[in-house]
Amino acid sequence: MSQKPVIVIAGAGPAGLVAANMLCRDGFDVTVFEADASATSRDQGGMLDLHVPDGQLALKKAGLFDTYMAIARHDDQELRDIDWATGETLLEDIPAPGTGDSPEIDRLVLRELLLEPLPVGTVIWGARVVGVGKTASGRRVVHLHDGRTHECDLVIGSDGAGSAVRAALTDVRPVYTGVTFVELWFSDVERRHADIAALVGHGTLMSVGNGPGSGTALFAQRNGNDVIRSYAAFRTHADDTDRPEKTLADITQQALRARFPGWSPRLLSLIEDAERIAAIRPIVGLPPGTRWLATPGLTLVGDAAHVMPPMGVGVNLAMLDAAELAEAIAGTSDWQAAVHAQETVMLDRSGPIGEQCADAFSEWFGPSERSARPSLLPHTIHEQRR
């Protein structure tokens, strides 16, 4: 067990790349297989709010914290909570210049930060992992979509909610929550969309419906490059099925707006004035507390292990999972035992957080009328567990 394992990481998201950086630094043979054709071939999504006790800690462990702090957007940490019906501001949190401990970073910028230190050839692009097998001698065989295979000693599944690596560990699959987010874009906002820029400010806007608007919410985020992304979130109809990314693929902004009856015109501009619909994103989650039997040569991190509704903690947990796993592997000669011990730590941590996220998400999008606005804002869940 003293020989260093040959490692494959499925997925070049934030978690997979954190693990790759730390393991490469410690002299391991690491290959990352990523389905994307290149680092920039697919939109990576909006901004990320990396938290001190997990996402930022992971970057410190990887030796990349100073780089992150140098390029993160420290001025985009504002938060606004807007009443869905009146358009009035219920809460406004604008940190003083030079304060705030969670500067924002766009997903693509974070990917570029994490890719830069890796040796050339570590990430194999256009290589989607579709399954994991085993040789007669007990080594792992990674199967790619194009028929190629790759032998290794350890496979780290960092391949997201639809993880192919997870399928080798458990039959449990993510379940559709019944809520879908439709993402819309505004570009060159200070010049072309001054009203939207003023409404959102420099940070995040949120508004959760009540009464006739129950089961709906609108969010918006200031991104880099003078871009704002808004998200129209709603509980879908039975006719939308559990595959709304297919049945709603051709939804128009007018039809989308019709799903928000009674909403303030001020907020509906986040739908009506957008330049285009960019993506349909069904929200799925694994049952909180999902576990699997410890299996030699296989493990999971991040959404592959504990995907949960988007309440501002997922990527932070994923990055910490990966950093602690890499530390555990490098810190002992018995790497198999270290992997299994770290799985327990990860799942003990993520289980209660997943339950809290699921409860808060249900509070937002539950069918019954609420007497007051939801008690949790997306960025506060991590504060409650510090």
Protein backbone atom coordinates (compact mmCIF):
# COMPACT_ATOMS: atom_id res chain seq x y z
CA MET A 1 0.00 0.00 0.00
CA SER A 2 3.01 2.30 0.11
CA GLN A 3 3.11 2.73 -3.68
CA LYS A 4 1.41 5.87 -4.91
CA PRO A 5 -1.85 5.09 -6.70
CA VAL A 6 -2.47 6.06 -10.31
CA ILE A 7 -5.52 8.30 -10.14
CA VAL A 8 -8.28 9.24 -12.58
CA ILE A 9 -10.58 12.17 -11.82
CA ALA A 10 -13.87 12.25 -13.71
CA GLY A 11 -14.83 15.87 -14.31
CA ALA A 12 -12.92 19.15 -14.57
CA GLY A 13 -15.23 21.22 -12.41
CA PRO A 14 -14.02 23.16 -9.36
CA ALA A 15 -13.82 20.05 -7.16
CA GLY A 16 -12.04 17.86 -9.68
CA LEU A 17 -9.49 20.56 -10.46
CA VAL A 18 -8.80 21.31 -6.78
CA ALA A 19 -8.02 17.63 -6.24
CA ALA A 20 -5.91 17.50 -9.41
CA ASN A 21 -3.83 20.50 -8.34
CA MET A 22 -3.08 19.10 -4.91
CA LEU A 23 -2.37 15.54 -6.06
CA CYS A 24 -0.14 16.66 -8.94
CA ARG A 25 1.76 18.91 -6.56
CA ASP A 26 2.37 15.90 -4.31
CA GLY A 27 3.76 13.79 -7.13
CA PHE A 28 0.80 11.57 -8.04
CA ASP A 29 0.07 10.31 -11.55
CA VAL A 30 -3.25 12.07 -12.24
CA THR A 31 -5.45 12.18 -15.33
CA VAL A 32 -8.64 14.24 -15.49
CA PHE A 33 -11.25 13.20 -18.06
CA GLU A 34 -13.70 15.99 -18.95
CA ALA A 35 -16.68 15.80 -21.31
CA ASP A 36 -16.36 19.45 -22.44
CA ALA A 37 -14.53 19.81 -25.73
CA SER A 38 -12.31 22.53 -24.26
CA ALA A 39 -12.07 24.79 -21.24
CA THR A 40 -14.29 27.38 -22.94
CA SER A 41 -16.52 25.27 -25.21
CA ARG A 42 -19.54 25.46 -22.90
CA ASP A 43 -20.90 28.20 -20.67
CA GLN A 44 -19.95 27.39 -17.09
CA GLY A 45 -22.78 29.30 -15.43
CA GLY A 46 -22.83 32.41 -13.31
CA MET A 47 -20.81 33.73 -10.42
CA LEU A 48 -19.72 31.87 -7.32
CA ASP A 49 -19.69 33.07 -3.74
CA LEU A 50 -16.78 31.20 -2.16
CA HIS A 51 -17.04 31.00 1.62
CA VAL A 52 -14.23 31.29 4.15
CA PRO A 53 -14.63 27.89 5.90
CA ASP A 54 -14.87 25.72 2.79
CA GLY A 55 -14.38 27.11 -0.74
CA GLN A 56 -11.69 29.58 0.30
CA LEU A 57 -10.11 27.03 2.63
CA ALA A 58 -9.86 24.59 -0.28
CA LEU A 59 -8.02 27.20 -2.36
CA LYS A 60 -5.63 27.80 0.53
CA LYS A 61 -4.91 24.08 0.74
CA ALA A 62 -4.27 24.09 -3.02
CA GLY A 63 -1.93 27.09 -2.74
CA LEU A 64 -4.19 29.24 -4.94
CA PHE A 65 -5.88 31.54 -2.43
CA ASP A 66 -3.73 34.59 -3.14
CA THR A 67 -4.38 34.27 -6.87
CA TYR A 68 -8.11 34.02 -6.19
CA MET A 69 -8.10 37.11 -3.98
CA ALA A 70 -6.20 39.06 -6.63
CA ILE A 71 -8.77 38.40 -9.38
CA ALA A 72 -12.05 38.02 -7.43
CA ARG A 73 -14.62 40.79 -7.61
CA HIS A 74 -14.57 42.31 -4.14
CA ASP A 75 -17.07 45.04 -5.06
CA ASP A 76 -19.86 42.62 -6.08
CA GLN A 77 -20.93 41.35 -2.66
CA GLU A 78 -24.19 43.29 -2.34
CA LEU A 79 -27.48 41.56 -1.54
CA ARG A 80 -31.02 42.80 -2.17
CA ASP A 81 -34.26 41.09 -1.16
CA ILE A 82 -37.21 42.57 -3.07
CA ASP A 83 -40.93 42.09 -2.35
CA TRP A 84 -42.39 40.04 -5.18
CA ALA A 85 -45.70 41.96 -5.45
CA THR A 86 -44.80 45.57 -4.65
CA GLY A 87 -41.23 45.70 -5.90
CA GLU A 88 -40.19 47.36 -2.65
CA THR A 89 -36.79 46.63 -1.14
CA LEU A 90 -37.13 44.49 1.98
CA LEU A 91 -33.44 44.06 2.72
CA GLU A 92 -30.34 45.71 1.32
CA ASP A 93 -26.88 44.63 2.41
CA ILE A 94 -24.12 46.73 0.84
CA PRO A 95 -20.74 46.06 2.45
CA ALA A 96 -18.51 49.08 2.91
CA PRO A 97 -15.64 49.33 0.41
CA GLY A 98 -12.86 46.96 1.34
CA THR A 99 -15.06 44.78 3.55
CA GLY A 100 -16.98 41.55 3.01
CA ASP A 101 -15.35 38.14 3.23
CA SER A 102 -16.81 36.39 0.15
CA PRO A 103 -15.67 38.13 -3.03
CA GLU A 104 -17.34 36.80 -6.18
CA ILE A 105 -15.72 34.96 -9.04
CA ASP A 106 -17.22 33.80 -12.34
CA ARG A 107 -17.17 30.05 -12.90
CA LEU A 108 -15.10 30.31 -16.07
CA VAL A 109 -12.53 32.51 -14.31
CA LEU A 110 -12.30 29.98 -11.48
CA ARG A 111 -11.81 27.16 -13.98
CA GLU A 112 -8.99 29.09 -15.66
CA LEU A 113 -7.38 29.76 -12.26
CA LEU A 114 -7.46 26.06 -11.41
CA LEU A 115 -6.22 24.91 -14.83
CA GLU A 116 -3.20 27.19 -15.04
CA PRO A 117 -0.90 25.33 -12.57
CA LEU A 118 -1.63 21.85 -13.93
CA PRO A 119 0.97 20.09 -16.08
CA VAL A 120 0.15 20.04 -19.78
CA GLY A 121 -1.91 16.98 -20.65
CA THR A 122 -3.35 16.44 -17.17
CA VAL A 123 -6.86 17.28 -18.42
CA ILE A 124 -8.13 15.26 -21.38
CA TRP A 125 -10.91 17.25 -23.05
CA GLY A 126 -13.80 15.72 -24.97
CA ALA A 127 -13.55 12.57 -22.85
CA ARG A 128 -16.79 11.70 -21.08
CA VAL A 129 -16.63 8.92 -18.52
CA VAL A 130 -19.53 6.51 -19.06
CA GLY A 131 -18.64 3.73 -16.66
CA VAL A 132 -16.08 2.14 -14.38
CA GLY A 133 -15.09 -1.54 -14.36
CA LYS A 134 -12.40 -3.68 -12.78
CA THR A 135 -9.56 -5.84 -14.06
CA ALA A 136 -8.89 -9.39 -12.93
CA SER A 137 -6.10 -8.05 -10.72
CA GLY A 138 -8.43 -5.57 -9.00
CA ARG A 139 -7.36 -2.35 -10.75
CA ARG A 140 -10.01 0.03 -12.04
CA VAL A 141 -10.87 0.50 -15.71
CA VAL A 142 -12.42 3.80 -16.78
CA HIS A 143 -14.61 3.57 -19.87
CA LEU A 144 -14.98 6.66 -22.09
CA HIS A 145 -17.83 7.48 -24.45
CA ASP A 146 -15.75 6.81 -27.56
CA GLY A 147 -14.69 3.31 -26.51
CA ARG A 148 -11.31 4.19 -25.04
CA THR A 149 -10.34 2.74 -21.67
CA HIS A 150 -7.83 3.74 -19.02
CA GLU A 151 -6.50 1.65 -16.14
CA CYS A 152 -5.80 3.16 -12.74
CA ASP A 153 -5.87 2.41 -9.02
CA LEU A 154 -8.36 5.04 -7.89
CA VAL A 155 -11.26 6.80 -9.61
CA ILE A 156 -12.53 10.03 -8.06
CA GLY A 157 -16.02 10.81 -9.33
CA SER A 158 -16.32 14.56 -9.62
CA ASP A 159 -18.70 14.31 -12.55
CA GLY A 160 -21.71 16.10 -11.15
CA ALA A 161 -25.34 15.25 -10.58
CA GLY A 162 -25.46 12.71 -13.42
CA SER A 163 -22.28 10.98 -12.26
CA ALA A 164 -21.34 7.82 -14.13
CA VAL A 165 -18.89 6.95 -11.34
CA ARG A 166 -21.71 7.04 -8.77
CA ALA A 167 -23.49 4.32 -10.74
CA ALA A 168 -20.65 1.94 -9.82
CA LEU A 169 -21.26 2.58 -6.11
CA THR A 170 -25.03 2.91 -5.63
CA ASP A 171 -28.32 2.64 -7.51
CA VAL A 172 -29.58 5.86 -5.89
CA ARG A 173 -30.13 8.63 -8.43
CA PRO A 174 -30.95 12.34 -8.13
CA VAL A 175 -34.67 13.16 -8.08
CA TYR A 176 -36.27 16.15 -9.81
CA THR A 177 -37.53 18.59 -7.17
CA GLY A 178 -40.39 19.85 -9.33
CA VAL A 179 -38.70 23.26 -9.64
CA THR A 180 -36.96 24.60 -12.74
CA PHE A 181 -34.76 27.67 -13.19
CA VAL A 182 -34.81 29.44 -16.55
CA GLU A 183 -31.64 31.46 -17.04
CA LEU A 184 -31.76 34.76 -18.97
CA TRP A 185 -28.91 37.09 -19.97
CA PHE A 186 -28.27 40.82 -20.12
CA SER A 187 -24.99 42.08 -21.59
CA ASP A 188 -23.35 45.51 -21.65
CA VAL A 189 -25.74 46.30 -18.84
CA GLU A 190 -24.50 49.74 -17.77
CA ARG A 191 -25.11 51.09 -21.27
CA ARG A 192 -27.92 48.91 -22.65
CA HIS A 193 -29.86 47.98 -19.49
CA ALA A 194 -29.28 50.78 -16.99
CA ASP A 195 -32.55 50.08 -15.12
CA ILE A 196 -31.65 46.41 -14.67
CA ALA A 197 -28.14 47.35 -13.56
CA ALA A 198 -29.59 49.70 -10.93
CA LEU A 199 -32.15 47.12 -9.78
CA VAL A 200 -29.62 44.34 -9.29
CA GLY A 201 -26.75 46.50 -8.10
CA HIS A 202 -23.33 44.93 -7.59
CA GLY A 203 -24.16 41.50 -6.28
CA THR A 204 -27.30 39.37 -5.93
CA LEU A 205 -31.00 40.15 -6.06
CA MET A 206 -33.63 37.72 -4.82
CA SER A 207 -37.42 37.75 -4.60
CA VAL A 208 -39.60 34.82 -3.55
CA GLY A 209 -43.30 34.80 -4.38
CA ASN A 210 -46.11 34.55 -1.83
CA GLY A 211 -49.89 34.20 -2.12
CA PRO A 212 -50.79 34.03 -5.83
CA GLY A 213 -47.06 34.08 -6.59
CA SER A 214 -46.35 31.04 -4.42
CA GLY A 215 -44.06 28.53 -6.04
CA THR A 216 -42.18 31.18 -7.99
CA ALA A 217 -39.03 33.23 -7.45
CA LEU A 218 -36.76 35.57 -9.35
CA PHE A 219 -33.02 35.91 -8.81
CA ALA A 220 -30.34 37.95 -10.55
CA GLN A 221 -26.58 38.15 -10.27
CA ARG A 222 -24.00 40.66 -11.42
CA ASN A 223 -21.28 38.78 -13.33
CA GLY A 224 -17.99 39.97 -14.74
CA ASN A 225 -17.66 41.64 -18.14
CA ASP A 226 -20.72 43.85 -17.51
CA VAL A 227 -23.14 40.90 -17.64
CA ILE A 228 -26.19 40.17 -15.48
CA ARG A 229 -27.85 36.76 -15.38
CA SER A 230 -31.41 36.45 -14.11
CA TYR A 231 -33.15 33.25 -13.11
CA ALA A 232 -36.92 32.77 -13.34
CA ALA A 233 -37.67 29.87 -10.97
CA PHE A 234 -41.01 28.11 -10.73
CA ARG A 235 -42.71 24.88 -9.76
CA THR A 236 -43.53 23.16 -13.03
CA HIS A 237 -46.89 21.81 -14.17
CA ALA A 238 -47.68 18.13 -14.62
CA ASP A 239 -47.60 18.65 -18.41
CA ASP A 240 -44.00 19.83 -18.14
CA THR A 241 -43.03 16.30 -17.00
CA ASP A 242 -39.89 15.56 -15.02
CA ARG A 243 -37.75 16.52 -18.04
CA PRO A 244 -38.58 20.23 -18.37
CA GLU A 245 -35.29 20.90 -20.14
CA LYS A 246 -36.90 19.07 -23.06
CA THR A 247 -40.58 20.04 -22.79
CA LEU A 248 -39.78 23.71 -22.12
CA ALA A 249 -36.89 23.98 -24.57
CA ASP A 250 -38.83 26.38 -26.82
CA ILE A 251 -40.50 28.46 -24.11
CA THR A 252 -40.74 32.15 -24.98
CA GLN A 253 -40.19 35.06 -22.63
CA GLN A 254 -43.89 35.89 -22.94
CA ALA A 255 -44.89 32.36 -21.92
CA LEU A 256 -42.36 32.44 -19.11
CA ARG A 257 -43.75 35.73 -17.83
CA ALA A 258 -47.23 34.22 -17.74
CA ARG A 259 -46.02 31.83 -15.03
CA PHE A 260 -45.51 34.81 -12.69
CA PRO A 261 -49.04 36.21 -12.09
CA GLY A 262 -49.30 39.21 -9.79
CA TRP A 263 -45.58 39.97 -9.80
CA SER A 264 -44.32 43.53 -9.72
CA PRO A 265 -43.60 44.98 -13.19
CA ARG A 266 -40.30 46.17 -11.77
CA LEU A 267 -39.23 42.58 -11.20
CA LEU A 268 -40.84 41.16 -14.33
CA SER A 269 -38.35 43.25 -16.31
CA LEU A 270 -35.82 40.56 -15.34
CA ILE A 271 -37.77 38.33 -17.76
CA GLU A 272 -39.25 40.74 -20.30
CA ASP A 273 -36.17 42.85 -21.01
CA ALA A 274 -33.62 40.03 -21.22
CA GLU A 275 -31.77 39.61 -24.48
CA ARG A 276 -32.37 35.87 -24.57
CA ILE A 277 -33.13 32.71 -22.65
CA ALA A 278 -29.80 30.99 -22.11
CA ALA A 279 -30.68 27.70 -20.40
CA ILE A 280 -33.41 25.59 -18.82
CA ARG A 281 -32.12 24.14 -15.55
CA PRO A 282 -34.26 21.53 -13.72
CA ILE A 283 -33.26 21.36 -10.07
CA VAL A 284 -32.47 17.87 -8.80
CA GLY A 285 -31.20 16.48 -5.53
CA LEU A 286 -30.00 13.24 -4.03
CA PRO A 287 -31.92 12.13 -0.95
CA PRO A 288 -30.11 13.80 1.99
CA GLY A 289 -27.99 11.26 3.81
CA THR A 290 -27.28 9.13 0.72
CA ARG A 291 -24.39 6.74 1.41
CA TRP A 292 -22.75 3.74 -0.23
CA LEU A 293 -20.58 0.82 0.82
CA ALA A 294 -16.87 1.58 0.90
CA THR A 295 -15.52 0.18 -2.36
CA PRO A 296 -11.82 -0.22 -3.20
CA GLY A 297 -10.62 2.14 -5.89
CA LEU A 298 -13.78 4.28 -6.09
CA THR A 299 -14.97 7.45 -4.37
CA LEU A 300 -17.07 10.55 -5.03
CA VAL A 301 -16.90 14.27 -4.22
CA GLY A 302 -19.20 17.24 -4.68
CA ASP A 303 -22.47 16.93 -6.58
CA ALA A 304 -21.63 13.35 -7.53
CA ALA A 305 -21.80 12.52 -3.82
CA HIS A 306 -24.46 14.89 -2.46
CA VAL A 307 -26.10 17.13 -5.06
CA MET A 308 -28.60 19.42 -3.33
CA PRO A 309 -30.79 22.42 -4.25
CA PRO A 310 -28.86 25.61 -5.10
CA MET A 311 -28.73 27.41 -1.76
CA GLY A 312 -25.21 28.80 -2.07
CA VAL A 313 -23.25 25.94 -0.52
CA GLY A 314 -22.83 23.23 -3.19
CA VAL A 315 -19.61 24.34 -4.86
CA ASN A 316 -18.08 25.25 -1.52
CA LEU A 317 -18.70 21.79 -0.10
CA ALA A 318 -17.44 20.21 -3.33
CA MET A 319 -14.14 22.07 -3.22
CA LEU A 320 -13.62 21.23 0.45
CA ASP A 321 -14.46 17.56 -0.24
CA ALA A 322 -11.79 17.47 -2.93
CA ALA A 323 -9.12 19.29 -0.92
CA GLU A 324 -9.57 17.10 2.13
CA LEU A 325 -9.57 13.94 0.01
CA ALA A 326 -6.33 14.94 -1.69
CA GLU A 327 -4.76 15.69 1.70
CA ALA A 328 -5.90 12.33 3.05
CA ILE A 329 -4.44 10.41 0.09
CA ALA A 330 -1.12 12.24 0.26
CA GLY A 331 -0.84 12.06 4.02
CA THR A 332 -0.61 8.30 4.52
CA SER A 333 0.79 5.14 2.97
CA ASP A 334 -2.56 3.38 3.35
CA TRP A 335 -4.40 5.49 0.80
CA GLN A 336 -7.37 3.09 0.53
CA ALA A 337 -8.13 3.44 4.23
CA ALA A 338 -7.66 7.21 3.96
CA VAL A 339 -10.16 7.41 1.09
CA HIS A 340 -12.81 5.50 2.99
CA ALA A 341 -12.24 7.50 6.19
CA GLN A 342 -12.59 10.73 4.25
CA GLU A 343 -15.85 9.52 2.68
CA THR A 344 -17.29 9.23 6.17
CA VAL A 345 -16.15 12.75 7.07
CA MET A 346 -17.62 14.14 3.84
CA LEU A 347 -20.99 12.40 4.18
CA ASP A 348 -21.32 13.18 7.89
CA ARG A 349 -20.86 16.85 6.98
CA SER A 350 -23.01 17.01 3.85
CA GLY A 351 -26.02 15.04 5.17
CA PRO A 352 -27.34 17.66 7.62
CA ILE A 353 -26.52 20.50 5.21
CA GLY A 354 -28.43 18.72 2.44
CA GLU A 355 -31.45 18.39 4.71
CA GLN A 356 -31.29 22.08 5.57
CA CYS A 357 -31.04 23.05 1.91
CA ALA A 358 -33.95 20.79 0.98
CA ASP A 359 -36.11 22.24 3.77
CA ALA A 360 -35.31 25.83 2.82
CA PHE A 361 -35.94 25.11 -0.86
CA SER A 362 -39.31 23.55 -0.01
CA GLU A 363 -40.14 26.62 2.05
CA TRP A 364 -39.47 28.81 -0.97
CA PHE A 365 -41.37 26.74 -3.49
CA GLY A 366 -43.99 24.95 -1.38
CA PRO A 367 -47.58 25.03 -2.65
CA SER A 368 -49.13 26.69 0.40
CA GLU A 369 -49.28 30.41 1.10
CA ARG A 370 -46.70 31.71 3.51
CA SER A 371 -47.48 34.25 6.19
CA ALA A 372 -44.01 35.74 5.96
CA ARG A 373 -41.07 35.73 3.62
CA PRO A 374 -38.75 32.70 3.83
CA SER A 375 -36.49 32.59 6.84
CA LEU A 376 -33.33 31.68 4.92
CA LEU A 377 -31.47 33.60 2.28
CA PRO A 378 -29.22 31.51 0.01
CA HIS A 379 -25.96 32.96 1.34
CA THR A 380 -26.83 32.50 5.01
CA ILE A 381 -26.96 28.72 5.24
CA HIS A 382 -23.19 28.48 5.52
CA GLU A 383 -23.21 31.14 8.23
CA GLN A 384 -25.49 28.99 10.38
CA ARG A 385 -23.09 26.04 10.31
CA ARG A 386 -19.86 27.88 11.12
